[in-house]
Structure formats: C-alpha cells, structure tokens
N, C-alpha and C. Protein backbone atom coordinates (compact mmCIF):
# COMPACT_ATOMS: atom_id res chain seq x y z
N MET A 1 -41.74 13.68 -27.98
CA MET A 1 -40.66 13.93 -29.12
C MET A 1 -40.27 12.64 -29.70
N LEU A 2 -39.92 12.69 -30.88
CA LEU A 2 -39.45 11.51 -31.69
C LEU A 2 -38.04 11.30 -31.37
N ARG A 3 -37.73 10.03 -31.24
CA ARG A 3 -36.30 9.75 -30.79
C ARG A 3 -35.79 8.79 -31.73
N GLU A 4 -34.46 8.87 -32.23
CA GLU A 4 -33.88 7.92 -33.09
C GLU A 4 -33.49 6.73 -32.22
N ASN A 5 -33.29 5.62 -32.72
CA ASN A 5 -32.85 4.52 -32.13
C ASN A 5 -31.43 4.62 -31.57
N SER A 6 -31.22 4.72 -30.34
CA SER A 6 -29.89 5.13 -29.78
C SER A 6 -28.82 3.97 -30.13
N SER A 7 -29.23 2.75 -30.30
CA SER A 7 -28.31 1.86 -30.68
C SER A 7 -27.64 1.95 -32.00
N THR A 8 -28.20 2.83 -32.97
CA THR A 8 -27.70 3.04 -34.11
C THR A 8 -26.60 4.32 -34.16
N MET A 9 -26.88 5.02 -33.02
CA MET A 9 -26.01 6.38 -32.91
C MET A 9 -24.55 5.99 -32.55
N THR A 10 -23.70 6.52 -33.13
CA THR A 10 -22.21 6.30 -32.54
C THR A 10 -21.96 7.43 -31.73
N PRO A 11 -21.39 7.16 -30.53
CA PRO A 11 -21.12 8.22 -29.54
C PRO A 11 -19.98 9.12 -30.24
N GLN A 12 -20.01 10.25 -29.84
CA GLN A 12 -18.91 11.23 -30.38
C GLN A 12 -17.60 10.93 -29.66
N PRO A 13 -16.45 11.17 -30.16
CA PRO A 13 -15.20 10.70 -29.44
C PRO A 13 -14.87 11.55 -28.40
N ASP A 14 -15.44 12.91 -28.40
CA ASP A 14 -14.90 13.70 -27.33
C ASP A 14 -15.90 13.68 -26.11
N THR A 15 -16.97 12.85 -26.22
CA THR A 15 -17.99 12.79 -25.13
C THR A 15 -17.40 12.29 -23.64
N PRO A 16 -16.47 11.28 -23.60
CA PRO A 16 -15.83 10.98 -22.50
C PRO A 16 -14.91 12.11 -21.93
N ALA A 17 -14.33 12.72 -22.71
CA ALA A 17 -13.30 13.94 -22.27
C ALA A 17 -14.25 15.02 -21.72
N LEU A 18 -15.46 15.32 -22.41
CA LEU A 18 -16.35 16.24 -21.90
C LEU A 18 -16.91 15.97 -20.58
N LEU A 19 -17.24 14.78 -20.30
CA LEU A 19 -17.63 14.30 -18.94
C LEU A 19 -16.60 14.40 -18.01
N ASP A 20 -15.37 14.11 -18.21
CA ASP A 20 -14.21 14.39 -17.28
C ASP A 20 -14.11 15.82 -17.10
N ALA A 21 -14.14 16.64 -18.02
CA ALA A 21 -13.99 18.10 -17.86
C ALA A 21 -15.09 18.71 -16.97
N ILE A 22 -16.30 18.12 -17.05
CA ILE A 22 -17.40 18.60 -16.37
C ILE A 22 -17.17 18.26 -14.78
N ALA A 23 -16.65 16.98 -14.75
CA ALA A 23 -16.45 16.50 -13.29
C ALA A 23 -15.23 17.23 -12.76
N ALA A 24 -14.43 17.66 -13.36
CA ALA A 24 -13.25 18.41 -12.98
C ALA A 24 -13.62 19.91 -12.52
N THR A 25 -14.47 20.44 -13.38
CA THR A 25 -14.91 21.86 -13.23
C THR A 25 -15.95 21.77 -12.09
N ARG A 26 -16.69 20.75 -11.84
CA ARG A 26 -17.69 20.78 -10.67
C ARG A 26 -16.86 20.92 -9.45
N GLU A 27 -15.71 20.44 -9.25
CA GLU A 27 -14.88 20.59 -8.02
C GLU A 27 -14.59 22.13 -7.98
N ALA A 28 -14.08 22.78 -9.10
CA ALA A 28 -13.82 24.28 -8.93
C ALA A 28 -15.01 25.09 -8.63
N PHE A 29 -16.23 24.60 -9.13
CA PHE A 29 -17.50 25.27 -8.94
C PHE A 29 -17.75 25.22 -7.46
N ALA A 30 -17.62 24.08 -6.89
CA ALA A 30 -17.91 23.79 -5.40
C ALA A 30 -17.08 24.70 -4.53
N GLN A 31 -15.85 25.03 -5.03
CA GLN A 31 -14.97 25.82 -4.29
C GLN A 31 -15.27 27.34 -4.71
N ALA A 32 -16.19 27.67 -5.35
CA ALA A 32 -16.47 29.07 -5.82
C ALA A 32 -15.36 29.73 -6.43
N LYS A 33 -14.51 29.04 -7.40
CA LYS A 33 -13.46 29.61 -8.03
C LYS A 33 -14.02 30.45 -9.35
N PRO A 34 -13.63 31.66 -9.38
CA PRO A 34 -14.09 32.38 -10.44
C PRO A 34 -14.09 31.85 -12.00
N GLY A 35 -15.02 32.03 -12.69
CA GLY A 35 -15.04 31.34 -13.93
C GLY A 35 -15.56 30.06 -14.02
N SER A 36 -15.64 29.39 -12.98
CA SER A 36 -16.02 28.05 -13.14
C SER A 36 -17.56 27.74 -13.45
N ARG A 37 -18.46 28.78 -13.11
CA ARG A 37 -19.81 28.68 -13.59
C ARG A 37 -19.88 28.75 -15.19
N GLU A 38 -19.19 29.75 -15.63
CA GLU A 38 -19.38 29.98 -17.08
C GLU A 38 -18.68 28.74 -17.83
N GLU A 39 -17.55 28.17 -17.25
CA GLU A 39 -16.92 27.00 -17.80
C GLU A 39 -17.93 25.72 -17.94
N LEU A 40 -18.56 25.60 -16.72
CA LEU A 40 -19.59 24.49 -16.74
C LEU A 40 -20.62 24.65 -17.67
N LEU A 41 -20.99 26.01 -17.89
CA LEU A 41 -22.10 26.23 -18.91
C LEU A 41 -21.62 25.84 -20.27
N ASP A 42 -20.40 26.30 -20.56
CA ASP A 42 -19.82 25.95 -21.82
C ASP A 42 -19.71 24.47 -22.01
N LEU A 43 -19.24 23.71 -21.08
CA LEU A 43 -18.99 22.28 -21.24
C LEU A 43 -20.35 21.73 -21.33
N ALA A 44 -21.41 22.09 -20.58
CA ALA A 44 -22.78 21.61 -20.74
C ALA A 44 -23.33 21.74 -22.26
N HIS A 45 -23.16 22.91 -22.74
CA HIS A 45 -23.55 23.17 -24.03
C HIS A 45 -22.78 22.25 -25.00
N SER A 46 -21.49 22.02 -24.85
CA SER A 46 -20.75 21.20 -25.72
C SER A 46 -21.14 19.74 -25.61
N LEU A 47 -21.57 19.28 -24.44
CA LEU A 47 -21.90 17.98 -24.23
C LEU A 47 -23.35 17.78 -24.87
N THR A 48 -24.23 18.67 -24.71
CA THR A 48 -25.67 18.64 -25.31
C THR A 48 -25.30 18.49 -26.92
N ALA A 49 -24.48 19.35 -27.41
CA ALA A 49 -24.17 19.20 -29.00
C ALA A 49 -23.73 18.03 -29.35
N ALA A 50 -22.87 17.33 -28.45
CA ALA A 50 -22.25 15.94 -28.89
C ALA A 50 -23.30 14.82 -28.78
N LEU A 51 -24.17 15.06 -27.81
CA LEU A 51 -25.08 13.96 -27.59
C LEU A 51 -26.39 14.19 -28.50
N GLU A 52 -26.81 15.26 -28.80
CA GLU A 52 -28.08 15.63 -29.50
C GLU A 52 -27.93 14.88 -31.00
N THR A 53 -29.05 14.34 -31.36
CA THR A 53 -29.13 13.80 -32.72
C THR A 53 -29.48 14.95 -33.62
N PRO A 54 -29.31 14.86 -34.89
CA PRO A 54 -29.77 15.92 -35.90
C PRO A 54 -31.20 16.27 -35.76
N SER A 55 -31.98 15.27 -35.67
CA SER A 55 -33.58 15.65 -35.45
C SER A 55 -33.79 16.24 -34.22
N GLU A 56 -33.14 15.91 -33.26
CA GLU A 56 -33.47 16.61 -31.91
C GLU A 56 -32.96 18.29 -32.05
N THR A 57 -31.79 18.34 -32.78
CA THR A 57 -31.37 19.72 -32.94
C THR A 57 -32.41 20.53 -33.61
N ILE A 58 -32.92 19.95 -34.75
CA ILE A 58 -34.00 20.62 -35.61
C ILE A 58 -35.14 20.99 -34.66
N GLN A 59 -35.53 19.91 -33.93
CA GLN A 59 -36.72 20.29 -33.18
C GLN A 59 -36.45 21.29 -32.04
N ARG A 60 -35.42 21.32 -31.35
CA ARG A 60 -34.96 22.34 -30.47
C ARG A 60 -34.94 23.67 -31.20
N ILE A 61 -34.36 23.71 -32.34
CA ILE A 61 -34.25 24.96 -33.07
C ILE A 61 -35.59 25.60 -33.41
N GLY A 62 -36.16 24.72 -33.93
CA GLY A 62 -37.66 24.96 -34.63
C GLY A 62 -38.75 25.16 -33.80
N TRP A 63 -38.70 24.65 -32.60
CA TRP A 63 -39.84 24.58 -31.66
C TRP A 63 -39.49 25.27 -30.42
N ALA A 64 -38.56 24.81 -29.60
CA ALA A 64 -38.37 25.29 -28.39
C ALA A 64 -37.76 26.74 -28.39
N GLU A 65 -36.80 27.04 -29.21
CA GLU A 65 -36.23 28.25 -29.19
C GLU A 65 -37.27 29.35 -29.74
N VAL A 66 -38.13 29.05 -30.52
CA VAL A 66 -39.24 29.98 -30.96
C VAL A 66 -40.07 30.32 -29.85
N ILE A 67 -40.44 29.39 -29.01
CA ILE A 67 -41.35 29.58 -27.70
C ILE A 67 -40.62 30.41 -26.85
N LEU A 68 -39.29 30.05 -26.56
CA LEU A 68 -38.63 31.05 -25.68
C LEU A 68 -38.52 32.49 -26.07
N GLN A 69 -38.29 32.67 -27.47
CA GLN A 69 -38.23 34.02 -28.03
C GLN A 69 -39.56 34.75 -27.78
N SER A 70 -40.64 33.96 -27.99
CA SER A 70 -42.07 34.50 -27.54
C SER A 70 -42.11 35.13 -26.19
N PHE A 71 -41.62 34.29 -25.45
CA PHE A 71 -41.78 34.67 -23.86
C PHE A 71 -40.85 35.90 -23.64
N PHE A 72 -39.49 35.91 -24.35
CA PHE A 72 -38.83 37.11 -24.06
C PHE A 72 -39.30 38.36 -24.53
N ARG A 73 -40.06 38.18 -25.76
CA ARG A 73 -40.71 39.37 -26.46
C ARG A 73 -41.77 39.90 -25.59
N LEU A 74 -42.65 38.95 -24.97
CA LEU A 74 -43.74 39.26 -24.04
C LEU A 74 -43.26 39.99 -22.81
N SER A 75 -42.16 39.55 -22.27
CA SER A 75 -41.51 40.05 -21.01
C SER A 75 -41.08 41.58 -21.25
N VAL A 76 -40.50 41.83 -22.42
CA VAL A 76 -40.03 43.17 -22.68
C VAL A 76 -41.04 44.16 -22.64
N PHE A 77 -42.22 43.79 -23.32
CA PHE A 77 -43.32 44.81 -23.65
C PHE A 77 -44.20 45.01 -22.40
C-alpha cells in the first residue's frame, strides 16, 4: 500500500482526546459494563478516520470494502 510521508501529515487535534477516551472506555469494557463494547467500536472508527490519510481512505473504500462486499454476497447465496 502506498503511504504518504507521515512527517508532512499534521495530526488531527482530537486524536489525543480519542486515545484518552479509548483508554477510559477500555476500563469499562474490562468490567463488562453495558454499551462499552459499542462505544469502543465507535471510538476506534473515529480514531481510524482521524489518522487515515485521504489516499488510504480512497484505497480502503475502493478496494478493501469491495472485496468484503463480495464475500458477504457469496456467503448469502
């Protein structure tokens, strides 16, 4: 996969807050609190969106998700 030079990428301002929220939610998940798994998933998706470069997003949408859709279609039939 092609990667952009990370030294030219500016980190998103909310990235440290997302990492802190993930750490806090991890504790709730370890204690099996209701809704903590879903919250971790939402935070993980938000972190991915904050860290992904535009070219990585295009590659994921254009290639990886198409392949997953094919697998889902095959599993249904």
